[in-house]
Amino acid sequence: MLQNRRSAVEAVTPLFHSAEASNDLAAADTASCYAALLRARVDNRLSVTTGAEMIGKMFEAIKAQQQARELMREAHLTTPEVIRAMGLERMYGDSSPCPPTDNPFTSAEVVTLPSASAA
C-alpha cells in the first residue's frame, strides 16, 4: 500500500510542477501582450480610450494569474502535511519532496523602463 501511495506522489509531483510552470508562462505572456498593447497605442498616438476595455480586462487577467500562482505556492506549503497523512514521512522525512518555494531574493530589484520617446 505504501508503494502505491509513493507512486501517487511521484505521479502528481511532475503534474504539479507543470501546472506551476504553465501558470508562470501564461502570466508572462499576458503581461507581454498587455505591455505591447500599451506601447502600440502610444507609438501610434491613439486615444487613451482605444482598446481601454481590452487593456483593462488583460490587467484583471494578470491579477488573476498572480492570485493563481499564490494559491499554488500555498498548496505547495501543505505538501509535508499530505506526506504525513499518507504515511510516507519515513520516505521523505519531515521535508517536502518539492523544492523550496520561498523567494530567495532579500531585496527588490528596481527595473528602469525606457521612455516612449527613446523607443
Protein backbone atom coordinates (compact mmCIF):
# COMPACT_ATOMS: atom_id res chain seq x y z
CA MET A 1 0.00 0.00 0.00
CA LEU A 2 2.84 2.44 0.79
CA GLN A 3 4.35 1.72 -2.61
CA ASN A 4 1.04 2.71 -4.26
CA ARG A 5 0.98 5.91 -2.24
CA ARG A 6 4.56 6.70 -3.17
CA SER A 7 3.71 6.04 -6.82
CA ALA A 8 0.83 8.50 -6.47
CA VAL A 9 3.19 11.17 -5.12
CA GLU A 10 5.62 10.52 -7.95
CA ALA A 11 2.80 10.78 -10.50
CA VAL A 12 1.36 14.01 -9.08
CA THR A 13 4.65 15.85 -8.49
CA PRO A 14 5.58 16.50 -12.16
CA LEU A 15 1.98 17.44 -12.94
CA PHE A 16 2.03 19.97 -10.10
CA HIS A 17 5.32 21.43 -11.35
CA SER A 18 3.94 21.57 -14.89
CA ALA A 19 0.86 23.43 -13.67
CA GLU A 20 3.07 25.95 -11.88
CA ALA A 21 5.23 26.48 -14.95
CA SER A 22 2.18 26.83 -17.20
CA ASN A 23 0.75 29.46 -14.86
CA ASP A 24 4.01 31.41 -14.91
CA LEU A 25 4.21 31.26 -18.72
CA ALA A 26 0.60 32.36 -19.10
CA ALA A 27 1.15 35.30 -16.76
CA ALA A 28 4.34 36.30 -18.58
CA ASP A 29 2.64 36.06 -21.99
CA THR A 30 -0.34 38.08 -20.78
CA ALA A 31 1.92 40.75 -19.29
CA SER A 32 3.95 40.94 -22.51
CA CYS A 33 0.78 41.33 -24.56
CA TYR A 34 -0.51 43.96 -22.14
CA ALA A 35 2.71 45.95 -22.49
CA ALA A 36 2.70 45.59 -26.29
CA LEU A 37 -0.86 46.90 -26.49
CA LEU A 38 0.02 49.93 -24.39
CA ARG A 39 3.19 50.54 -26.42
CA ALA A 40 1.26 50.23 -29.71
CA ARG A 41 -1.29 52.74 -28.51
CA VAL A 42 1.44 55.22 -27.55
CA ASP A 43 3.56 54.63 -30.65
CA ASN A 44 0.56 55.17 -32.92
CA ARG A 45 -0.65 58.20 -30.98
CA LEU A 46 -4.06 56.64 -30.41
CA SER A 47 -6.62 57.92 -27.96
CA VAL A 48 -6.32 56.66 -24.40
CA THR A 49 -9.78 55.18 -24.86
CA THR A 50 -8.69 52.99 -27.79
CA GLY A 51 -8.60 49.43 -26.54
CA ALA A 52 -9.24 50.57 -22.98
CA GLU A 53 -11.70 47.78 -22.23
CA MET A 54 -9.36 45.13 -23.64
CA ILE A 55 -6.40 46.53 -21.73
CA GLY A 56 -8.45 46.65 -18.52
CA LYS A 57 -9.55 43.03 -18.95
CA MET A 58 -5.96 41.95 -19.56
CA PHE A 59 -4.87 43.76 -16.40
CA GLU A 60 -7.54 41.85 -14.47
CA ALA A 61 -6.30 38.61 -16.06
CA ILE A 62 -2.75 39.33 -14.89
CA LYS A 63 -4.04 39.90 -11.35
CA ALA A 64 -5.99 36.62 -11.51
CA GLN A 65 -2.91 34.76 -12.73
CA GLN A 66 -0.90 36.17 -9.85
CA GLN A 67 -3.62 35.04 -7.45
CA ALA A 68 -3.50 31.55 -9.01
CA ARG A 69 0.29 31.49 -8.60
CA GLU A 70 -0.03 32.47 -4.94
CA LEU A 71 -2.59 29.70 -4.39
CA MET A 72 -0.22 27.18 -5.98
CA ARG A 73 2.54 28.38 -3.64
CA GLU A 74 0.21 27.95 -0.66
CA ALA A 75 -0.74 24.48 -1.89
CA HIS A 76 2.96 23.63 -2.11
CA LEU A 77 3.39 24.55 1.54
CA THR A 78 0.88 21.85 2.53
CA THR A 79 2.99 19.06 0.96
CA PRO A 80 4.59 17.89 4.24
CA GLU A 81 1.13 17.59 5.81
CA VAL A 82 -0.09 15.48 2.87
CA ILE A 83 3.03 13.29 3.02
CA ARG A 84 2.42 12.67 6.73
CA ALA A 85 -1.28 11.92 6.13
CA MET A 86 -0.28 9.35 3.50
CA GLY A 87 2.14 7.68 5.93
CA LEU A 88 5.16 8.49 3.75
CA GLU A 89 7.15 10.63 6.18
CA ARG A 90 9.76 7.86 6.56
CA MET A 91 10.40 8.01 2.80
CA TYR A 92 10.54 11.79 2.61
CA GLY A 93 11.36 12.79 6.17
CA ASP A 94 9.83 15.92 7.62
CA SER A 95 10.52 17.88 4.50
CA SER A 96 8.70 18.17 1.22
CA PRO A 97 9.83 16.24 -1.85
CA CYS A 98 9.38 19.57 -3.67
CA PRO A 99 11.95 22.35 -3.98
CA PRO A 100 11.55 25.38 -1.70
CA THR A 101 9.09 27.99 -2.91
CA ASP A 102 10.15 30.95 -0.81
CA ASN A 103 11.59 33.92 -2.65
CA PRO A 104 15.42 33.70 -2.46
CA PHE A 105 15.82 37.43 -3.00
CA THR A 106 16.30 39.63 0.02
CA SER A 107 15.51 42.92 -1.69
CA ALA A 108 13.51 44.11 -4.65
CA GLU A 109 15.35 44.87 -7.85
CA VAL A 110 14.34 48.13 -9.48
CA VAL A 111 13.99 47.91 -13.24
CA THR A 112 14.09 51.11 -15.27
CA LEU A 113 11.85 51.06 -18.33
CA PRO A 114 12.74 53.06 -21.44
CA SER A 115 10.64 56.13 -22.07
CA ALA A 116 8.23 56.26 -25.02
CA SER A 117 10.44 58.82 -26.77
CA ALA A 118 13.52 56.53 -26.52
CA ALA A 119 11.79 53.76 -28.46
